[in-house]
């Protein structure tokens, strides 16, 4: 037990209410692992600023909520700039996307890799009634290594990439 800093107050370690806390707790508290943004093979990339274990929470994808009509308008801008930060929620919600270009955070710099090479995954989570896209490591990642995500087949449609 740690020494009391304030007499009369007991210091206890923070623990969940149960031995099996909600899987959304890290996202709700923004309890992320440190990520560094720097030059990578393909523009900027997100790199582990500390060692990470399988299942560590990297961050919540942040952006403007867009309808498909909004995305159609901005698609030409994305093609012209060569930067696409649109992220689809899932097959169940094909009418909306997040656009991290104007207001995104470090998670928008996760570059693409094949399924075999990817060391992160996206999880669509319902947190307090709102959908979120959380990124988690799928394997251990050493400090200084780039974080990769497989964008999936639909990302590459109409991009001239096989």
C-alpha atoms as a PDB file:
ATOM      1  CA  UNK A   1       0.000   0.000   0.000  1.00  0.00           C
ATOM      2  CA  UNK A   2       1.472   3.388  -0.953  1.00  0.00           C
ATOM      3  CA  UNK A   3       2.180   5.944   1.723  1.00  0.00           C
ATOM      4  CA  UNK A   4      -0.723   8.360   2.272  1.00  0.00           C
ATOM      5  CA  UNK A   5      -0.002  11.734   0.732  1.00  0.00           C
ATOM      6  CA  UNK A   6      -2.875  13.425   2.539  1.00  0.00           C
ATOM      7  CA  UNK A   7      -3.535  12.266   6.113  1.00  0.00           C
ATOM      8  CA  UNK A   8      -7.018  10.836   6.467  1.00  0.00           C
ATOM      9  CA  UNK A   9      -7.324   9.875   2.798  1.00  0.00           C
ATOM     10  CA  UNK A  10      -6.564   6.387   1.569  1.00  0.00           C
ATOM     11  CA  UNK A  11      -4.968   6.061  -1.854  1.00  0.00           C
ATOM     12  CA  UNK A  12      -6.137   3.067  -3.853  1.00  0.00           C
ATOM     13  CA  UNK A  13      -5.263   1.893  -7.332  1.00  0.00           C
ATOM     14  CA  UNK A  14      -7.834   2.684 -10.014  1.00  0.00           C
ATOM     15  CA  UNK A  15      -9.644  -0.475 -11.031  1.00  0.00           C
ATOM     16  CA  UNK A  16     -12.746  -1.286 -12.994  1.00  0.00           C
ATOM     17  CA  UNK A  17     -15.999  -1.991 -11.191  1.00  0.00           C
ATOM     18  CA  UNK A  18     -15.646  -5.664 -12.040  1.00  0.00           C
ATOM     19  CA  UNK A  19     -12.910  -8.088 -12.885  1.00  0.00           C
ATOM     20  CA  UNK A  20     -14.207  -7.982 -16.490  1.00  0.00           C
ATOM     21  CA  UNK A  21     -14.608  -4.253 -17.378  1.00  0.00           C
ATOM     22  CA  UNK A  22     -16.348  -2.964 -20.505  1.00  0.00           C
ATOM     23  CA  UNK A  23     -14.158  -3.173 -23.620  1.00  0.00           C
ATOM     24  CA  UNK A  24     -14.963   0.486 -24.400  1.00  0.00           C
ATOM     25  CA  UNK A  25     -13.351   1.855 -21.230  1.00  0.00           C
ATOM     26  CA  UNK A  26     -10.034   2.749 -22.874  1.00  0.00           C
ATOM     27  CA  UNK A  27     -11.853   4.599 -25.655  1.00  0.00           C
ATOM     28  CA  UNK A  28     -14.121   6.459 -23.205  1.00  0.00           C
ATOM     29  CA  UNK A  29     -11.093   7.598 -21.193  1.00  0.00           C
ATOM     30  CA  UNK A  30      -8.933   8.235 -24.279  1.00  0.00           C
ATOM     31  CA  UNK A  31      -6.385   5.875 -22.722  1.00  0.00           C
ATOM     32  CA  UNK A  32      -4.214   5.546 -25.824  1.00  0.00           C
ATOM     33  CA  UNK A  33      -0.682   4.410 -26.499  1.00  0.00           C
ATOM     34  CA  UNK A  34       1.785   7.078 -27.591  1.00  0.00           C
ATOM     35  CA  UNK A  35       2.142   7.503 -31.361  1.00  0.00           C
ATOM     36  CA  UNK A  36       4.659   9.599 -33.280  1.00  0.00           C
ATOM     37  CA  UNK A  37       3.932  11.024 -36.738  1.00  0.00           C
ATOM     38  CA  UNK A  38       6.920  11.204 -39.079  1.00  0.00           C
ATOM     39  CA  UNK A  39       8.024  10.553 -42.635  1.00  0.00           C
ATOM     40  CA  UNK A  40       7.335   7.037 -43.888  1.00  0.00           C
ATOM     41  CA  UNK A  41       7.620   5.109 -47.139  1.00  0.00           C
ATOM     42  CA  UNK A  42       4.300   6.606 -48.291  1.00  0.00           C
ATOM     43  CA  UNK A  43       4.149  10.201 -46.995  1.00  0.00           C
ATOM     44  CA  UNK A  44       3.593  10.534 -43.283  1.00  0.00           C
ATOM     45  CA  UNK A  45       3.057   7.523 -41.058  1.00  0.00           C
ATOM     46  CA  UNK A  46       2.138   6.694 -37.470  1.00  0.00           C
ATOM     47  CA  UNK A  47       4.910   5.036 -35.463  1.00  0.00           C
ATOM     48  CA  UNK A  48       4.837   3.425 -32.029  1.00  0.00           C
ATOM     49  CA  UNK A  49       6.428   5.828 -29.543  1.00  0.00           C
ATOM     50  CA  UNK A  50       6.493   3.032 -26.974  1.00  0.00           C
ATOM     51  CA  UNK A  51       6.381  -0.752 -27.023  1.00  0.00           C
ATOM     52  CA  UNK A  52       2.850  -2.038 -27.616  1.00  0.00           C
ATOM     53  CA  UNK A  53       1.248  -5.387 -26.850  1.00  0.00           C
ATOM     54  CA  UNK A  54      -1.452  -7.212 -28.788  1.00  0.00           C
ATOM     55  CA  UNK A  55      -4.807  -5.546 -28.163  1.00  0.00           C
ATOM     56  CA  UNK A  56      -3.458  -2.143 -27.102  1.00  0.00           C
ATOM     57  CA  UNK A  57      -5.718   0.817 -27.927  1.00  0.00           C
ATOM     58  CA  UNK A  58      -4.058   3.249 -30.349  1.00  0.00           C
ATOM     59  CA  UNK A  59      -6.829   5.779 -30.732  1.00  0.00           C
ATOM     60  CA  UNK A  60     -10.287   6.772 -31.900  1.00  0.00           C
ATOM     61  CA  UNK A  61     -10.671   7.894 -35.530  1.00  0.00           C
ATOM     62  CA  UNK A  62     -11.798  11.513 -35.391  1.00  0.00           C
ATOM     63  CA  UNK A  63     -13.360  13.454 -38.238  1.00  0.00           C
ATOM     64  CA  UNK A  64     -16.384  15.223 -39.648  1.00  0.00           C
ATOM     65  CA  UNK A  65     -19.451  13.025 -40.071  1.00  0.00           C
ATOM     66  CA  UNK A  66     -20.298  13.068 -43.786  1.00  0.00           C
ATOM     67  CA  UNK A  67     -23.180  11.764 -45.884  1.00  0.00           C
ATOM     68  CA  UNK A  68     -22.514  10.043 -49.196  1.00  0.00           C
ATOM     69  CA  UNK A  69     -23.581  13.239 -50.983  1.00  0.00           C
ATOM     70  CA  UNK A  70     -20.929  15.199 -49.030  1.00  0.00           C
ATOM     71  CA  UNK A  71     -18.312  12.591 -49.881  1.00  0.00           C
ATOM     72  CA  UNK A  72     -19.218  12.733 -53.587  1.00  0.00           C
ATOM     73  CA  UNK A  73     -18.535  16.477 -53.571  1.00  0.00           C
ATOM     74  CA  UNK A  74     -15.203  16.115 -51.737  1.00  0.00           C
ATOM     75  CA  UNK A  75     -14.077  13.035 -53.657  1.00  0.00           C
ATOM     76  CA  UNK A  76     -12.592  15.170 -56.448  1.00  0.00           C
ATOM     77  CA  UNK A  77     -10.590  17.160 -53.875  1.00  0.00           C
ATOM     78  CA  UNK A  78      -9.274  13.914 -52.390  1.00  0.00           C
ATOM     79  CA  UNK A  79      -8.309  12.612 -55.847  1.00  0.00           C
ATOM     80  CA  UNK A  80      -6.590  15.890 -56.776  1.00  0.00           C
ATOM     81  CA  UNK A  81      -4.596  16.087 -53.534  1.00  0.00           C
ATOM     82  CA  UNK A  82      -3.828  12.363 -53.490  1.00  0.00           C
ATOM     83  CA  UNK A  83      -5.027  12.211 -49.887  1.00  0.00           C
ATOM     84  CA  UNK A  84      -8.100  10.312 -48.786  1.00  0.00           C
ATOM     85  CA  UNK A  85      -9.072  10.340 -45.104  1.00  0.00           C
ATOM     86  CA  UNK A  86     -12.639   9.019 -45.572  1.00  0.00           C
ATOM     87  CA  UNK A  87     -13.464   6.065 -43.328  1.00  0.00           C
ATOM     88  CA  UNK A  88     -16.608   3.960 -43.703  1.00  0.00           C
ATOM     89  CA  UNK A  89     -18.293   2.668 -40.580  1.00  0.00           C
ATOM     90  CA  UNK A  90     -19.485  -0.711 -41.878  1.00  0.00           C
ATOM     91  CA  UNK A  91     -21.799  -2.480 -44.252  1.00  0.00           C
ATOM     92  CA  UNK A  92     -24.688  -1.705 -41.882  1.00  0.00           C
ATOM     93  CA  UNK A  93     -24.122   2.059 -42.133  1.00  0.00           C
ATOM     94  CA  UNK A  94     -23.090   2.739 -45.728  1.00  0.00           C
ATOM     95  CA  UNK A  95     -24.748   6.175 -45.784  1.00  0.00           C
ATOM     96  CA  UNK A  96     -22.201   7.899 -43.529  1.00  0.00           C
ATOM     97  CA  UNK A  97     -18.427   8.244 -43.318  1.00  0.00           C
ATOM     98  CA  UNK A  98     -15.896  10.127 -41.265  1.00  0.00           C
ATOM     99  CA  UNK A  99     -13.565  12.590 -42.993  1.00  0.00           C
ATOM    100  CA  UNK A 100     -10.396  13.136 -40.950  1.00  0.00           C
ATOM    101  CA  UNK A 101      -8.756  15.512 -43.450  1.00  0.00           C
ATOM    102  CA  UNK A 102      -9.718  18.803 -41.757  1.00  0.00           C
ATOM    103  CA  UNK A 103      -9.983  17.733 -38.100  1.00  0.00           C
ATOM    104  CA  UNK A 104      -8.353  14.330 -37.735  1.00  0.00           C
ATOM    105  CA  UNK A 105      -5.884  13.076 -35.166  1.00  0.00           C
ATOM    106  CA  UNK A 106      -2.843  10.791 -35.343  1.00  0.00           C
ATOM    107  CA  UNK A 107      -4.923   7.758 -36.357  1.00  0.00           C
ATOM    108  CA  UNK A 108      -5.424   9.216 -39.849  1.00  0.00           C
ATOM    109  CA  UNK A 109      -1.731   8.526 -40.533  1.00  0.00           C
ATOM    110  CA  UNK A 110      -2.033   4.736 -40.257  1.00  0.00           C
ATOM    111  CA  UNK A 111      -0.768   3.599 -43.655  1.00  0.00           C
ATOM    112  CA  UNK A 112      -2.005   0.576 -45.594  1.00  0.00           C
ATOM    113  CA  UNK A 113      -0.378  -2.836 -45.548  1.00  0.00           C
ATOM    114  CA  UNK A 114      -1.453  -6.292 -46.621  1.00  0.00           C
ATOM    115  CA  UNK A 115      -3.422  -8.384 -44.137  1.00  0.00           C
ATOM    116  CA  UNK A 116      -0.250 -10.347 -43.352  1.00  0.00           C
ATOM    117  CA  UNK A 117       1.847  -7.224 -42.697  1.00  0.00           C
ATOM    118  CA  UNK A 118      -0.806  -5.125 -40.895  1.00  0.00           C
ATOM    119  CA  UNK A 119      -0.283  -4.807 -37.149  1.00  0.00           C
ATOM    120  CA  UNK A 120      -3.494  -2.866 -36.355  1.00  0.00           C
ATOM    121  CA  UNK A 121      -7.196  -3.291 -36.919  1.00  0.00           C
ATOM    122  CA  UNK A 122     -10.233  -1.042 -36.860  1.00  0.00           C
ATOM    123  CA  UNK A 123     -13.158  -1.925 -34.624  1.00  0.00           C
ATOM    124  CA  UNK A 124     -16.564  -0.287 -34.963  1.00  0.00           C
ATOM    125  CA  UNK A 125     -17.789   0.321 -31.423  1.00  0.00           C
ATOM    126  CA  UNK A 126     -21.039   1.613 -29.976  1.00  0.00           C
ATOM    127  CA  UNK A 127     -20.056   3.835 -27.048  1.00  0.00           C
ATOM    128  CA  UNK A 128     -22.720   5.658 -25.048  1.00  0.00           C
ATOM    129  CA  UNK A 129     -25.070   5.485 -28.048  1.00  0.00           C
ATOM    130  CA  UNK A 130     -22.527   6.782 -30.598  1.00  0.00           C
ATOM    131  CA  UNK A 131     -20.553   4.830 -33.186  1.00  0.00           C
ATOM    132  CA  UNK A 132     -16.777   5.122 -32.944  1.00  0.00           C
ATOM    133  CA  UNK A 133     -13.914   3.647 -34.934  1.00  0.00           C
ATOM    134  CA  UNK A 134     -11.214   2.452 -32.568  1.00  0.00           C
ATOM    135  CA  UNK A 135      -7.778   1.180 -33.628  1.00  0.00           C
ATOM    136  CA  UNK A 136      -6.104  -1.676 -31.777  1.00  0.00           C
ATOM    137  CA  UNK A 137      -2.852  -3.554 -32.268  1.00  0.00           C
ATOM    138  CA  UNK A 138      -3.193  -7.112 -33.580  1.00  0.00           C
ATOM    139  CA  UNK A 139       0.343  -8.088 -32.598  1.00  0.00           C
ATOM    140  CA  UNK A 140       3.195  -6.730 -30.519  1.00  0.00           C
ATOM    141  CA  UNK A 141       4.779  -3.594 -32.002  1.00  0.00           C
ATOM    142  CA  UNK A 142       8.218  -2.424 -30.901  1.00  0.00           C
ATOM    143  CA  UNK A 143       8.924   1.227 -30.202  1.00  0.00           C
ATOM    144  CA  UNK A 144       9.893   3.022 -33.432  1.00  0.00           C
ATOM    145  CA  UNK A 145       8.055   0.613 -35.769  1.00  0.00           C
ATOM    146  CA  UNK A 146       5.371   1.885 -38.129  1.00  0.00           C
ATOM    147  CA  UNK A 147       1.739   1.040 -37.427  1.00  0.00           C
ATOM    148  CA  UNK A 148      -0.104  -0.438 -40.421  1.00  0.00           C
ATOM    149  CA  UNK A 149      -3.748  -1.112 -41.170  1.00  0.00           C
ATOM    150  CA  UNK A 150      -5.223  -3.148 -44.021  1.00  0.00           C
ATOM    151  CA  UNK A 151      -7.629  -0.695 -45.685  1.00  0.00           C
ATOM    152  CA  UNK A 152      -9.666  -3.510 -47.237  1.00  0.00           C
ATOM    153  CA  UNK A 153     -10.728  -4.175 -50.801  1.00  0.00           C
ATOM    154  CA  UNK A 154     -13.384  -1.444 -51.090  1.00  0.00           C
ATOM    155  CA  UNK A 155     -10.847   1.295 -50.404  1.00  0.00           C
ATOM    156  CA  UNK A 156      -8.981   0.420 -53.599  1.00  0.00           C
ATOM    157  CA  UNK A 157     -12.034   0.404 -55.900  1.00  0.00           C
ATOM    158  CA  UNK A 158     -11.802   3.095 -58.584  1.00  0.00           C
ATOM    159  CA  UNK A 159      -8.211   3.900 -57.652  1.00  0.00           C
ATOM    160  CA  UNK A 160      -6.564   2.014 -60.535  1.00  0.00           C
ATOM    161  CA  UNK A 161      -4.759  -0.341 -58.146  1.00  0.00           C
ATOM    162  CA  UNK A 162      -5.031  -4.100 -58.507  1.00  0.00           C
END
